[in-house]
Amino acid sequence: MTLLIAAAAAATFLTRVGGYFLVKRLKSMPPRLEAALNAVPAAVLTALVAPAFFYGEIDVKIAMAAAVLICLRFGAIPMLIGGWAVVMLMRQLIG
């Protein structure tokens, strides 16, 4: 098991370092590569949020809806605090 964890850590490290050195060697970044790298944050956020929304309980869905509404008016930190507070409140009320 330890060998598997070490191999996964090494693969992750080498992938990240390899990407850094590959981009560093480029004299100019091709537009398609730049567009792909710009799409990564949205893809990661979607990959994290979508399963929680579709497979989570009602408390998670209500907290996510509240977080979206808070984010429309305020910034990211109030959104995180508000979403956390709503999910904790819903878990106390619903059980």
Protein backbone atom coordinates (compact mmCIF):
# COMPACT_ATOMS: atom_id res chain seq x y z
CA MET A 1 0.00 0.00 0.00
CA THR A 2 2.83 2.38 0.84
CA LEU A 3 4.49 1.65 -2.50
CA LEU A 4 1.24 2.46 -4.31
CA ILE A 5 0.91 5.80 -2.50
CA ALA A 6 4.55 6.64 -3.24
CA ALA A 7 4.08 5.78 -6.93
CA ALA A 8 0.95 7.93 -7.16
CA ALA A 9 2.76 10.83 -5.47
CA ALA A 10 5.72 10.48 -7.84
CA ALA A 11 3.43 10.37 -10.88
CA THR A 12 1.58 13.48 -9.71
CA PHE A 13 4.82 15.32 -8.99
CA LEU A 14 6.39 14.39 -12.33
CA THR A 15 3.24 15.41 -14.22
CA ARG A 16 3.20 18.83 -12.60
CA VAL A 17 6.93 19.44 -12.92
CA GLY A 18 6.91 18.16 -16.51
CA GLY A 19 4.15 20.57 -17.45
CA TYR A 20 6.04 23.46 -15.87
CA PHE A 21 9.26 22.68 -17.75
CA LEU A 22 7.38 22.12 -21.01
CA VAL A 23 5.67 25.51 -20.83
CA LYS A 24 8.89 27.17 -19.66
CA ARG A 25 10.77 25.96 -22.77
CA LEU A 26 8.24 27.55 -25.13
CA LYS A 27 9.31 30.88 -26.57
CA SER A 28 5.70 31.94 -27.01
CA MET A 29 2.58 30.17 -25.89
CA PRO A 30 0.34 28.97 -28.72
CA PRO A 31 -3.19 30.41 -28.56
CA ARG A 32 -4.80 26.95 -28.29
CA LEU A 33 -2.59 26.04 -25.31
CA GLU A 34 -3.37 29.33 -23.62
CA ALA A 35 -7.11 28.79 -24.17
CA ALA A 36 -6.85 25.27 -22.76
CA LEU A 37 -4.99 26.47 -19.67
CA ASN A 38 -7.54 29.24 -19.16
CA ALA A 39 -10.32 26.62 -19.15
CA VAL A 40 -8.72 24.49 -16.40
CA PRO A 41 -10.09 26.38 -13.34
CA ALA A 42 -13.68 26.17 -14.57
CA ALA A 43 -13.27 22.48 -15.39
CA VAL A 44 -11.83 21.70 -11.95
CA LEU A 45 -14.57 23.67 -10.20
CA THR A 46 -17.24 21.86 -12.20
CA ALA A 47 -15.66 18.49 -11.43
CA LEU A 48 -15.77 19.27 -7.71
CA VAL A 49 -19.17 20.93 -7.45
CA ALA A 50 -21.36 18.91 -9.85
CA PRO A 51 -21.13 15.53 -8.08
CA ALA A 52 -21.80 17.15 -4.71
CA PHE A 53 -24.87 18.88 -6.11
CA PHE A 54 -26.34 15.93 -7.99
CA TYR A 55 -25.55 13.21 -5.46
CA GLY A 56 -25.65 15.24 -2.24
CA GLU A 57 -28.52 15.49 0.17
CA ILE A 58 -30.96 18.40 0.29
CA ASP A 59 -28.82 20.25 2.84
CA VAL A 60 -25.92 20.42 0.38
CA LYS A 61 -28.17 21.61 -2.44
CA ILE A 62 -29.69 24.37 -0.32
CA ALA A 63 -26.24 25.44 0.88
CA MET A 64 -24.95 25.59 -2.71
CA ALA A 65 -27.94 27.67 -3.79
CA ALA A 66 -27.37 30.04 -0.87
CA ALA A 67 -23.66 30.25 -1.73
CA VAL A 68 -24.49 31.21 -5.33
CA LEU A 69 -26.84 33.95 -4.15
CA ILE A 70 -24.30 35.25 -1.64
CA CYS A 71 -21.57 35.22 -4.30
CA LEU A 72 -23.69 37.33 -6.64
CA ARG A 73 -23.79 40.11 -4.05
CA PHE A 74 -20.56 39.66 -2.09
CA GLY A 75 -17.15 38.07 -2.66
CA ALA A 76 -15.69 34.60 -2.31
CA ILE A 77 -15.01 34.64 1.44
CA PRO A 78 -18.58 35.59 2.42
CA MET A 79 -19.79 32.93 -0.03
CA LEU A 80 -17.70 30.24 1.69
CA ILE A 81 -18.77 31.34 5.16
CA GLY A 82 -22.42 31.64 4.16
CA GLY A 83 -22.48 28.26 2.42
CA TRP A 84 -20.82 26.62 5.42
CA ALA A 85 -23.26 28.27 7.83
CA VAL A 86 -26.28 27.21 5.77
CA VAL A 87 -25.17 23.59 5.48
CA MET A 88 -24.47 23.43 9.24
CA LEU A 89 -27.87 24.97 10.01
CA MET A 90 -29.63 22.59 7.63
CA ARG A 91 -27.86 19.59 9.17
CA GLN A 92 -29.01 20.70 12.61
CA LEU A 93 -32.60 21.20 11.43
CA ILE A 94 -32.93 18.18 9.13
CA GLY A 95 -30.61 15.82 10.96
